[in-house]
């Protein structure tokens, strides 16, 4: 039937090319690396019993927080006593989208011992909210439209980037770029946040 319809069209090769492209695009869009349909962990259960400063942080899950470097700095100070993982991302960043499922699982796994904080940089809030609705996180992200927070944590090469702070609030490492695997990400959390 498909070939019969094509044979009646004036420019069959052009139509066939359009169909092939449309099928290819829909295949790419539906897979999205499997991330857009990934189910988030049960954060409430996973993070139950977290220390008070971490529980307060996670009560703001998926929230976009304004206030720039000042508000971000205040948050880091409030988390002293706990190591912190800061992920710098943007909704338009495909490697960020690919990395978010790692963050979902790792924040659920380590979130009682490590604080996780996001920085949504060079982005707009509406797009960021849509992104977070697709890939929810248990922690807030600070809006950073002018890249001031990103620069303050040393995220200057590209996205995503991940900065690590020890329990005293000292920055100990910045990973520039996407993690190749969840195992690599977990290894850095253990090395730089948990000291092992």
Protein backbone atom coordinates (compact mmCIF):
# COMPACT_ATOMS: atom_id res chain seq x y z
CA UNK A 1 0.00 0.00 0.00
CA UNK A 2 2.84 2.41 0.92
CA UNK A 3 4.56 1.80 -2.46
CA UNK A 4 1.26 2.34 -4.30
CA UNK A 5 0.78 5.72 -2.63
CA UNK A 6 4.36 6.71 -3.43
CA UNK A 7 4.01 5.70 -7.09
CA UNK A 8 1.13 8.16 -7.51
CA UNK A 9 3.08 11.08 -6.09
CA UNK A 10 4.95 13.34 -8.55
CA UNK A 11 8.33 13.28 -6.82
CA UNK A 12 8.58 9.84 -5.22
CA UNK A 13 12.25 10.04 -4.26
CA UNK A 14 11.75 13.35 -2.45
CA UNK A 15 8.72 11.98 -0.57
CA UNK A 16 10.56 8.79 0.30
CA UNK A 17 13.50 10.82 1.63
CA UNK A 18 11.12 12.93 3.73
CA UNK A 19 9.51 9.80 5.20
CA UNK A 20 12.92 8.29 6.01
CA UNK A 21 14.06 11.52 7.69
CA UNK A 22 10.80 11.77 9.66
CA UNK A 23 11.14 8.19 10.86
CA UNK A 24 14.76 8.80 11.84
CA UNK A 25 13.91 11.97 13.74
CA UNK A 26 11.04 10.32 15.58
CA UNK A 27 13.27 7.40 16.52
CA UNK A 28 15.92 9.76 17.91
CA UNK A 29 13.33 11.85 19.74
CA UNK A 30 11.64 8.90 21.34
CA UNK A 31 14.78 7.30 22.64
CA UNK A 32 16.46 10.41 24.05
CA UNK A 33 19.08 8.04 25.36
CA UNK A 34 16.30 6.55 27.49
CA UNK A 35 16.51 9.51 29.85
CA UNK A 36 13.28 11.38 29.23
CA UNK A 37 11.23 8.36 30.24
CA UNK A 38 13.51 7.27 33.08
CA UNK A 39 11.63 6.86 36.32
CA UNK A 40 13.08 8.87 39.19
CA UNK A 41 13.82 7.07 42.45
CA UNK A 42 11.43 7.38 45.38
CA UNK A 43 13.31 10.30 46.93
CA UNK A 44 11.05 10.53 49.95
CA UNK A 45 11.87 6.98 50.93
CA UNK A 46 15.54 7.11 49.89
CA UNK A 47 16.28 10.32 51.81
CA UNK A 48 14.11 9.68 54.88
CA UNK A 49 16.11 10.35 58.03
CA UNK A 50 18.65 12.67 56.37
CA UNK A 51 20.34 15.10 58.80
CA UNK A 52 18.38 18.31 59.33
CA UNK A 53 20.43 20.58 56.98
CA UNK A 54 20.15 18.00 54.20
CA UNK A 55 16.46 17.38 54.85
CA UNK A 56 15.88 21.15 54.61
CA UNK A 57 17.76 21.21 51.29
CA UNK A 58 15.79 18.28 49.89
CA UNK A 59 12.49 19.88 50.90
CA UNK A 60 13.23 22.22 47.96
CA UNK A 61 13.49 19.44 45.37
CA UNK A 62 13.26 20.67 41.75
CA UNK A 63 12.89 24.28 42.88
CA UNK A 64 14.68 27.01 40.94
CA UNK A 65 16.22 29.42 43.43
CA UNK A 66 17.17 32.96 42.47
CA UNK A 67 19.58 35.27 44.26
CA UNK A 68 22.81 34.70 42.35
CA UNK A 69 26.19 34.06 43.93
CA UNK A 70 25.06 35.51 47.25
CA UNK A 71 22.18 33.04 47.69
CA UNK A 72 24.32 30.18 46.40
CA UNK A 73 27.12 31.07 48.86
CA UNK A 74 24.61 31.19 51.72
CA UNK A 75 23.40 27.72 50.79
CA UNK A 76 26.94 26.35 50.80
CA UNK A 77 27.57 27.91 54.23
CA UNK A 78 24.34 26.38 55.57
CA UNK A 79 25.62 22.97 54.47
CA UNK A 80 28.96 23.18 56.34
CA UNK A 81 29.56 19.95 58.15
CA UNK A 82 28.49 17.97 55.07
CA UNK A 83 30.31 17.44 51.79
CA UNK A 84 28.58 19.01 48.79
CA UNK A 85 28.30 18.02 45.13
CA UNK A 86 27.35 20.93 42.87
CA UNK A 87 26.20 20.07 39.35
CA UNK A 88 26.16 22.87 36.78
CA UNK A 89 23.68 22.23 33.96
CA UNK A 90 21.30 23.79 31.42
CA UNK A 91 18.11 22.55 29.79
CA UNK A 92 19.55 22.99 26.26
CA UNK A 93 22.59 20.83 27.10
CA UNK A 94 22.22 17.30 25.70
CA UNK A 95 25.14 15.89 27.76
CA UNK A 96 23.38 17.30 30.87
CA UNK A 97 20.23 15.40 29.91
CA UNK A 98 22.28 12.23 29.53
CA UNK A 99 23.94 12.75 32.93
CA UNK A 100 20.77 13.60 34.91
CA UNK A 101 19.69 9.96 35.47
CA UNK A 102 23.06 9.41 37.17
CA UNK A 103 22.33 12.38 39.42
CA UNK A 104 18.86 11.06 40.17
CA UNK A 105 20.17 7.69 41.34
CA UNK A 106 23.35 8.93 43.02
CA UNK A 107 21.57 11.67 44.99
CA UNK A 108 19.09 9.06 46.22
CA UNK A 109 21.94 6.70 47.15
CA UNK A 110 24.33 9.18 48.82
CA UNK A 111 22.00 12.04 49.75
CA UNK A 112 21.91 11.22 53.47
CA UNK A 113 25.69 11.77 53.68
CA UNK A 114 26.33 14.23 50.84
CA UNK A 115 24.43 17.41 49.92
CA UNK A 116 23.55 17.80 46.25
CA UNK A 117 22.91 21.24 44.74
CA UNK A 118 22.24 22.26 41.14
CA UNK A 119 23.17 25.38 39.19
CA UNK A 120 21.07 26.07 36.10
CA UNK A 121 23.34 28.33 34.06
CA UNK A 122 22.87 30.37 30.88
CA UNK A 123 19.27 29.17 30.63
CA UNK A 124 15.71 30.42 30.98
CA UNK A 125 13.47 29.40 33.85
CA UNK A 126 10.58 28.06 31.75
CA UNK A 127 12.85 25.68 29.83
CA UNK A 128 14.57 24.63 33.07
CA UNK A 129 11.22 23.85 34.74
CA UNK A 130 10.19 21.71 31.77
CA UNK A 131 13.52 19.88 31.94
CA UNK A 132 13.13 19.24 35.68
CA UNK A 133 9.57 17.99 35.17
CA UNK A 134 10.99 15.37 32.81
CA UNK A 135 14.01 14.51 34.98
CA UNK A 136 13.12 15.44 38.58
CA UNK A 137 15.77 15.83 41.26
CA UNK A 138 15.40 15.86 45.05
CA UNK A 139 17.41 19.07 45.43
CA UNK A 140 17.09 22.70 44.25
CA UNK A 141 19.01 24.41 41.47
CA UNK A 142 20.19 28.00 41.61
CA UNK A 143 19.38 30.09 38.56
CA UNK A 144 22.50 31.50 36.93
CA UNK A 145 21.49 33.34 33.75
CA UNK A 146 24.78 35.24 33.45
CA UNK A 147 27.07 32.33 34.42
CA UNK A 148 28.29 34.10 37.58
CA UNK A 149 27.81 31.06 39.83
CA UNK A 150 29.29 28.73 37.23
CA UNK A 151 32.40 30.90 37.04
CA UNK A 152 32.63 31.08 40.84
CA UNK A 153 32.80 27.28 41.08
CA UNK A 154 35.25 26.97 38.16
CA UNK A 155 32.78 25.63 35.60
CA UNK A 156 34.30 27.54 32.70
CA UNK A 157 34.89 25.05 29.90
CA UNK A 158 31.47 23.62 28.99
CA UNK A 159 28.52 21.77 30.43
CA UNK A 160 27.83 19.80 32.50
CA UNK A 161 30.39 20.42 35.22
CA UNK A 162 30.51 19.11 38.77
CA UNK A 163 32.24 20.79 41.72
CA UNK A 164 33.03 19.02 44.97
CA UNK A 165 33.29 20.62 48.41
CA UNK A 166 34.50 18.92 51.57
CA UNK A 167 32.64 19.16 54.89
CA UNK A 168 34.56 22.32 55.83
CA UNK A 169 33.26 24.08 52.71
CA UNK A 170 36.55 23.96 50.79
CA UNK A 171 36.32 23.21 47.09
CA UNK A 172 38.43 20.13 46.40
CA UNK A 173 37.76 19.26 42.75
CA UNK A 174 35.92 20.34 39.59
CA UNK A 175 35.04 17.80 36.91
CA UNK A 176 34.76 19.61 33.58
CA UNK A 177 32.35 17.91 31.19
CA UNK A 178 30.04 14.94 31.27
CA UNK A 179 30.74 11.76 33.19
CA UNK A 180 31.22 8.80 30.86
CA UNK A 181 29.42 6.46 33.25
CA UNK A 182 27.51 6.39 36.50
CA UNK A 183 30.35 4.34 37.96
CA UNK A 184 32.84 7.12 37.21
CA UNK A 185 30.51 9.67 38.82
CA UNK A 186 30.06 7.47 41.91
CA UNK A 187 33.83 7.00 42.16
CA UNK A 188 34.36 10.78 42.26
CA UNK A 189 31.64 11.20 44.90
CA UNK A 190 33.41 8.61 47.03
CA UNK A 191 36.85 10.13 46.39
CA UNK A 192 36.09 13.85 46.72
CA UNK A 193 32.94 14.05 48.84
CA UNK A 194 33.22 11.02 51.09
CA UNK A 195 37.01 10.94 51.28
CA UNK A 196 37.41 7.35 50.27
